[in-house]
Amino acid sequence: VPLPGWLVFYARPGDTLEAIDQKFGVPKGWSRTMGRAYHPEPRLPLQRECVAVPSKSFVHAHKRQ
């Protein structure tokens, strides 16, 4: 299912959501794992887990002032 304004990819070993945010130039806390209700460490995706990253334009349009 396409998510307008979001890029979806698989996490690699050692990825953190903070590092993914930084890599894509979005503010800390915007990347999200998909499809799991519980993580032992919420900001640490599992290897090959789907991660959604918003585009910069999506963040700009939806950022709380």
C-alpha atoms as a PDB file:
ATOM      1  CA  VAL A   1       0.000   0.000   0.000  1.00  0.00           C
ATOM      2  CA  PRO A   2       1.599   3.279  -1.044  1.00  0.00           C
ATOM      3  CA  LEU A   3       1.847   5.969   1.615  1.00  0.00           C
ATOM      4  CA  PRO A   4       1.773   9.409  -0.047  1.00  0.00           C
ATOM      5  CA  GLY A   5       4.684  11.486   1.189  1.00  0.00           C
ATOM      6  CA  TRP A   6       6.501   8.513   2.779  1.00  0.00           C
ATOM      7  CA  LEU A   7       9.393   6.258   1.706  1.00  0.00           C
ATOM      8  CA  VAL A   8       9.253   2.660   2.983  1.00  0.00           C
ATOM      9  CA  PHE A   9      12.313   0.411   3.171  1.00  0.00           C
ATOM     10  CA  TYR A  10      13.786  -2.498   5.138  1.00  0.00           C
ATOM     11  CA  ALA A  11      15.973  -1.809   8.166  1.00  0.00           C
ATOM     12  CA  ARG A  12      19.587  -3.002   8.056  1.00  0.00           C
ATOM     13  CA  PRO A  13      21.556  -4.455  10.943  1.00  0.00           C
ATOM     14  CA  GLY A  14      22.510  -1.685  13.369  1.00  0.00           C
ATOM     15  CA  ASP A  15      19.981   0.858  12.067  1.00  0.00           C
ATOM     16  CA  THR A  16      18.307   3.136  14.595  1.00  0.00           C
ATOM     17  CA  LEU A  17      15.376   5.378  13.838  1.00  0.00           C
ATOM     18  CA  GLU A  18      17.447   8.408  14.897  1.00  0.00           C
ATOM     19  CA  ALA A  19      20.152   7.503  12.357  1.00  0.00           C
ATOM     20  CA  ILE A  20      17.490   6.976   9.685  1.00  0.00           C
ATOM     21  CA  ASP A  21      15.949  10.385  10.486  1.00  0.00           C
ATOM     22  CA  GLN A  22      19.385  11.981  10.162  1.00  0.00           C
ATOM     23  CA  LYS A  23      20.199  10.119   6.930  1.00  0.00           C
ATOM     24  CA  PHE A  24      17.015  11.396   5.279  1.00  0.00           C
ATOM     25  CA  GLY A  25      17.254  14.894   6.787  1.00  0.00           C
ATOM     26  CA  VAL A  26      14.022  14.787   8.772  1.00  0.00           C
ATOM     27  CA  PRO A  27      13.637  15.859  12.423  1.00  0.00           C
ATOM     28  CA  LYS A  28      14.308  13.289  15.113  1.00  0.00           C
ATOM     29  CA  GLY A  29      11.301  11.120  15.891  1.00  0.00           C
ATOM     30  CA  TRP A  30       9.560  11.151  12.505  1.00  0.00           C
ATOM     31  CA  SER A  31      10.598   7.704  11.173  1.00  0.00           C
ATOM     32  CA  ARG A  32       8.329   4.834  12.159  1.00  0.00           C
ATOM     33  CA  THR A  33       8.488   1.059  12.156  1.00  0.00           C
ATOM     34  CA  MET A  34       5.512  -0.603  10.530  1.00  0.00           C
ATOM     35  CA  GLY A  35       3.404  -3.575  11.503  1.00  0.00           C
ATOM     36  CA  ARG A  36       4.546  -4.296  15.056  1.00  0.00           C
ATOM     37  CA  ALA A  37       2.735  -3.316  18.193  1.00  0.00           C
ATOM     38  CA  TYR A  38       5.638  -3.892  20.606  1.00  0.00           C
ATOM     39  CA  HIS A  39       9.395  -3.359  20.457  1.00  0.00           C
ATOM     40  CA  PRO A  40      11.759  -4.098  23.342  1.00  0.00           C
ATOM     41  CA  GLU A  41      13.575  -0.897  22.301  1.00  0.00           C
ATOM     42  CA  PRO A  42      11.076   1.372  20.460  1.00  0.00           C
ATOM     43  CA  ARG A  43      13.672   3.328  18.425  1.00  0.00           C
ATOM     44  CA  LEU A  44      15.621   0.218  17.335  1.00  0.00           C
ATOM     45  CA  PRO A  45      14.044  -1.516  14.331  1.00  0.00           C
ATOM     46  CA  LEU A  46      14.618  -5.198  13.786  1.00  0.00           C
ATOM     47  CA  GLN A  47      16.705  -6.315  10.821  1.00  0.00           C
ATOM     48  CA  ARG A  48      14.539  -6.396   7.652  1.00  0.00           C
ATOM     49  CA  GLU A  49      11.633  -4.684   9.436  1.00  0.00           C
ATOM     50  CA  CYS A  50       9.751  -2.146   7.331  1.00  0.00           C
ATOM     51  CA  VAL A  51      10.520   1.448   8.260  1.00  0.00           C
ATOM     52  CA  ALA A  52       8.531   4.423   6.973  1.00  0.00           C
ATOM     53  CA  VAL A  53      10.305   7.779   6.562  1.00  0.00           C
ATOM     54  CA  PRO A  54       8.352  10.913   5.661  1.00  0.00           C
ATOM     55  CA  SER A  55       9.503  13.212   2.900  1.00  0.00           C
ATOM     56  CA  LYS A  56      10.797  16.625   3.938  1.00  0.00           C
ATOM     57  CA  SER A  57       7.738  18.218   2.322  1.00  0.00           C
ATOM     58  CA  PHE A  58       5.422  15.956   4.363  1.00  0.00           C
ATOM     59  CA  VAL A  59       7.216  16.939   7.598  1.00  0.00           C
ATOM     60  CA  HIS A  60       7.020  20.618   6.697  1.00  0.00           C
ATOM     61  CA  ALA A  61       3.278  20.371   5.944  1.00  0.00           C
ATOM     62  CA  HIS A  62       2.479  18.422   9.128  1.00  0.00           C
ATOM     63  CA  LYS A  63       4.934  19.787  11.695  1.00  0.00           C
ATOM     64  CA  ARG A  64       3.270  21.198  14.772  1.00  0.00           C
ATOM     65  CA  GLN A  65       4.066  24.829  15.358  1.00  0.00           C
END
